[in-house]
């Protein structure tokens, strides 16, 4: 992920990530118990685990990491 390559702090990555969510993803995040995620790595893993089966095609962690939002 670009932010990881730029060595942005985990706290900043988590805050930016949560600001970008909407719809089902935001609902999922808001439904998590307070303080239930302890790190950026855990947030990524739980997000991928929760939403991986909603993809139309099989994707690896590398594929998901390389996804880019279209303009």
N, C-alpha and C. Protein backbone atom coordinates (compact mmCIF):
# COMPACT_ATOMS: atom_id res chain seq x y z
N UNK A 1 0.85 -1.17 0.00
CA UNK A 1 0.00 0.00 0.00
C UNK A 1 0.89 1.24 0.00
N UNK A 2 0.48 2.24 -0.72
CA UNK A 2 1.30 3.44 -0.88
C UNK A 2 1.65 4.09 0.45
N UNK A 3 0.70 4.16 1.36
CA UNK A 3 0.97 4.80 2.65
C UNK A 3 2.01 4.02 3.45
N UNK A 4 1.99 2.69 3.31
CA UNK A 4 3.00 1.88 4.00
C UNK A 4 4.37 2.14 3.40
N UNK A 5 4.43 2.27 2.09
CA UNK A 5 5.70 2.55 1.43
C UNK A 5 6.26 3.90 1.85
N UNK A 6 5.38 4.85 2.11
CA UNK A 6 5.80 6.18 2.55
C UNK A 6 6.08 6.23 4.05
N UNK A 7 5.94 5.09 4.71
CA UNK A 7 6.17 4.96 6.14
C UNK A 7 5.28 5.88 6.98
N UNK A 8 4.02 6.00 6.56
CA UNK A 8 3.02 6.73 7.33
C UNK A 8 2.71 5.90 8.57
N UNK A 9 2.47 6.54 9.70
CA UNK A 9 2.22 5.81 10.94
C UNK A 9 0.95 4.97 10.83
N UNK A 10 0.91 3.89 11.61
CA UNK A 10 -0.27 3.03 11.63
C UNK A 10 -1.50 3.79 12.08
N UNK A 11 -1.33 4.69 13.03
CA UNK A 11 -2.46 5.48 13.52
C UNK A 11 -3.04 6.32 12.39
N UNK A 12 -2.18 6.97 11.62
CA UNK A 12 -2.63 7.80 10.50
C UNK A 12 -3.31 6.95 9.44
N UNK A 13 -2.74 5.78 9.13
CA UNK A 13 -3.35 4.91 8.12
C UNK A 13 -4.74 4.46 8.56
N UNK A 14 -4.88 4.09 9.82
CA UNK A 14 -6.17 3.64 10.33
C UNK A 14 -7.20 4.76 10.28
N UNK A 15 -6.79 5.97 10.67
CA UNK A 15 -7.73 7.10 10.63
C UNK A 15 -8.16 7.42 9.21
N UNK A 16 -7.21 7.44 8.28
CA UNK A 16 -7.54 7.71 6.88
C UNK A 16 -8.45 6.63 6.32
N UNK A 17 -8.14 5.38 6.61
CA UNK A 17 -8.94 4.26 6.14
C UNK A 17 -10.38 4.38 6.63
N UNK A 18 -10.56 4.65 7.91
CA UNK A 18 -11.91 4.72 8.45
C UNK A 18 -12.69 5.91 7.89
N UNK A 19 -11.99 6.99 7.55
CA UNK A 19 -12.66 8.16 6.95
C UNK A 19 -13.16 7.86 5.54
N UNK A 20 -12.53 6.92 4.86
CA UNK A 20 -12.87 6.62 3.47
C UNK A 20 -14.00 5.61 3.33
N UNK A 21 -14.39 4.96 4.42
CA UNK A 21 -15.43 3.94 4.35
C UNK A 21 -16.82 4.55 4.27
N UNK A 22 -17.70 3.85 3.56
CA UNK A 22 -19.12 4.21 3.58
C UNK A 22 -19.93 2.94 3.39
N UNK A 23 -21.24 3.08 3.45
CA UNK A 23 -22.13 1.95 3.22
C UNK A 23 -21.89 0.79 4.18
N UNK A 24 -21.89 -0.42 3.62
CA UNK A 24 -21.74 -1.64 4.40
C UNK A 24 -20.43 -1.66 5.17
N UNK A 25 -19.37 -1.18 4.56
CA UNK A 25 -18.07 -1.18 5.23
C UNK A 25 -18.08 -0.29 6.46
N UNK A 26 -18.70 0.89 6.36
CA UNK A 26 -18.78 1.80 7.51
C UNK A 26 -19.66 1.18 8.60
N UNK A 27 -20.76 0.56 8.20
CA UNK A 27 -21.65 -0.10 9.17
C UNK A 27 -20.90 -1.20 9.91
N UNK A 28 -20.13 -1.99 9.16
CA UNK A 28 -19.33 -3.06 9.78
C UNK A 28 -18.37 -2.48 10.81
N UNK A 29 -17.66 -1.43 10.43
CA UNK A 29 -16.67 -0.83 11.33
C UNK A 29 -17.34 -0.28 12.58
N UNK A 30 -18.44 0.43 12.42
CA UNK A 30 -19.13 1.03 13.57
C UNK A 30 -19.73 -0.04 14.48
N UNK A 31 -19.97 -1.25 13.94
CA UNK A 31 -20.52 -2.34 14.74
C UNK A 31 -19.50 -3.10 15.57
N UNK A 32 -18.22 -2.81 15.36
CA UNK A 32 -17.19 -3.49 16.14
C UNK A 32 -17.18 -2.96 17.57
N UNK A 33 -16.94 -3.83 18.54
CA UNK A 33 -16.85 -3.36 19.92
C UNK A 33 -15.71 -2.35 20.08
N UNK A 34 -15.89 -1.36 20.95
CA UNK A 34 -14.83 -0.38 21.18
C UNK A 34 -13.52 -1.07 21.59
N UNK A 35 -12.43 -0.56 21.09
CA UNK A 35 -11.08 -1.06 21.41
C UNK A 35 -10.86 -2.53 21.06
N UNK A 36 -11.62 -3.04 20.09
CA UNK A 36 -11.48 -4.46 19.72
C UNK A 36 -10.40 -4.69 18.68
N UNK A 37 -9.86 -3.62 18.10
CA UNK A 37 -8.78 -3.75 17.13
C UNK A 37 -7.57 -3.02 17.69
N UNK A 38 -6.45 -3.74 17.74
CA UNK A 38 -5.28 -3.18 18.39
C UNK A 38 -4.19 -2.67 17.48
N UNK A 39 -4.34 -2.88 16.16
CA UNK A 39 -3.27 -2.44 15.26
C UNK A 39 -3.80 -2.28 13.84
N UNK A 40 -3.00 -1.60 13.02
CA UNK A 40 -3.33 -1.45 11.60
C UNK A 40 -3.38 -2.81 10.93
N UNK A 41 -2.43 -3.69 11.26
CA UNK A 41 -2.39 -5.03 10.67
C UNK A 41 -3.66 -5.81 11.02
N UNK A 42 -4.12 -5.68 12.25
CA UNK A 42 -5.34 -6.37 12.66
C UNK A 42 -6.56 -5.79 11.95
N UNK A 43 -6.62 -4.47 11.80
CA UNK A 43 -7.73 -3.84 11.09
C UNK A 43 -7.79 -4.33 9.65
N UNK A 44 -6.64 -4.35 8.97
CA UNK A 44 -6.59 -4.84 7.59
C UNK A 44 -7.05 -6.29 7.51
N UNK A 45 -6.52 -7.12 8.39
CA UNK A 45 -6.85 -8.55 8.35
C UNK A 45 -8.33 -8.79 8.61
N UNK A 46 -8.89 -8.10 9.59
CA UNK A 46 -10.32 -8.31 9.90
C UNK A 46 -11.21 -7.76 8.79
N UNK A 47 -10.82 -6.64 8.20
CA UNK A 47 -11.60 -6.08 7.09
C UNK A 47 -11.60 -7.05 5.91
N UNK A 48 -10.42 -7.53 5.55
CA UNK A 48 -10.32 -8.47 4.43
C UNK A 48 -11.08 -9.75 4.73
N UNK A 49 -10.93 -10.27 5.94
CA UNK A 49 -11.64 -11.49 6.32
C UNK A 49 -13.15 -11.30 6.21
N UNK A 50 -13.63 -10.15 6.64
CA UNK A 50 -15.08 -9.90 6.62
C UNK A 50 -15.62 -9.73 5.21
N UNK A 51 -14.87 -9.07 4.33
CA UNK A 51 -15.40 -8.73 3.01
C UNK A 51 -14.84 -9.55 1.85
N UNK A 52 -13.93 -10.47 2.12
CA UNK A 52 -13.30 -11.21 1.03
C UNK A 52 -14.28 -12.02 0.19
N UNK A 53 -15.34 -12.52 0.79
CA UNK A 53 -16.30 -13.34 0.05
C UNK A 53 -17.29 -12.52 -0.76
N UNK A 54 -17.23 -11.20 -0.65
CA UNK A 54 -18.14 -10.36 -1.43
C UNK A 54 -17.55 -9.99 -2.78
N UNK A 55 -16.30 -10.37 -3.02
CA UNK A 55 -15.65 -10.09 -4.31
C UNK A 55 -16.21 -11.01 -5.38
N UNK A 56 -16.34 -10.50 -6.58
CA UNK A 56 -16.82 -11.30 -7.69
C UNK A 56 -15.77 -12.27 -8.21
N UNK A 57 -14.52 -11.93 -8.00
CA UNK A 57 -13.44 -12.78 -8.47
C UNK A 57 -12.49 -13.08 -7.32
N UNK A 58 -11.80 -14.17 -7.45
CA UNK A 58 -10.85 -14.56 -6.44
C UNK A 58 -9.68 -13.58 -6.44
N UNK A 59 -9.36 -13.04 -5.26
CA UNK A 59 -8.27 -12.08 -5.15
C UNK A 59 -7.36 -12.48 -4.00
N UNK A 60 -6.11 -12.27 -4.19
CA UNK A 60 -5.14 -12.51 -3.12
C UNK A 60 -4.95 -11.22 -2.32
N UNK A 61 -4.24 -11.31 -1.23
CA UNK A 61 -3.90 -10.12 -0.45
C UNK A 61 -3.15 -9.12 -1.33
N UNK A 62 -2.26 -9.61 -2.17
CA UNK A 62 -1.51 -8.72 -3.07
C UNK A 62 -2.46 -8.00 -4.02
N UNK A 63 -3.44 -8.74 -4.58
CA UNK A 63 -4.41 -8.11 -5.48
C UNK A 63 -5.19 -7.02 -4.75
N UNK A 64 -5.65 -7.31 -3.54
CA UNK A 64 -6.41 -6.32 -2.78
C UNK A 64 -5.56 -5.11 -2.44
N UNK A 65 -4.32 -5.33 -2.11
CA UNK A 65 -3.41 -4.24 -1.79
C UNK A 65 -3.17 -3.34 -3.00
N UNK A 66 -3.18 -3.93 -4.18
CA UNK A 66 -2.91 -3.18 -5.40
C UNK A 66 -4.15 -2.52 -6.02
N UNK A 67 -5.31 -2.69 -5.40
CA UNK A 67 -6.54 -2.07 -5.93
C UNK A 67 -6.42 -0.55 -5.86
N UNK A 68 -6.90 0.10 -6.88
CA UNK A 68 -6.89 1.57 -6.94
C UNK A 68 -8.32 2.04 -7.24
N UNK A 69 -8.76 3.07 -6.56
CA UNK A 69 -10.07 3.63 -6.80
C UNK A 69 -10.04 4.43 -8.09
N UNK A 70 -11.05 4.20 -8.93
CA UNK A 70 -11.12 4.95 -10.18
C UNK A 70 -11.69 6.33 -9.91
N UNK A 71 -11.32 7.28 -10.76
CA UNK A 71 -11.82 8.65 -10.59
C UNK A 71 -13.13 8.82 -11.31
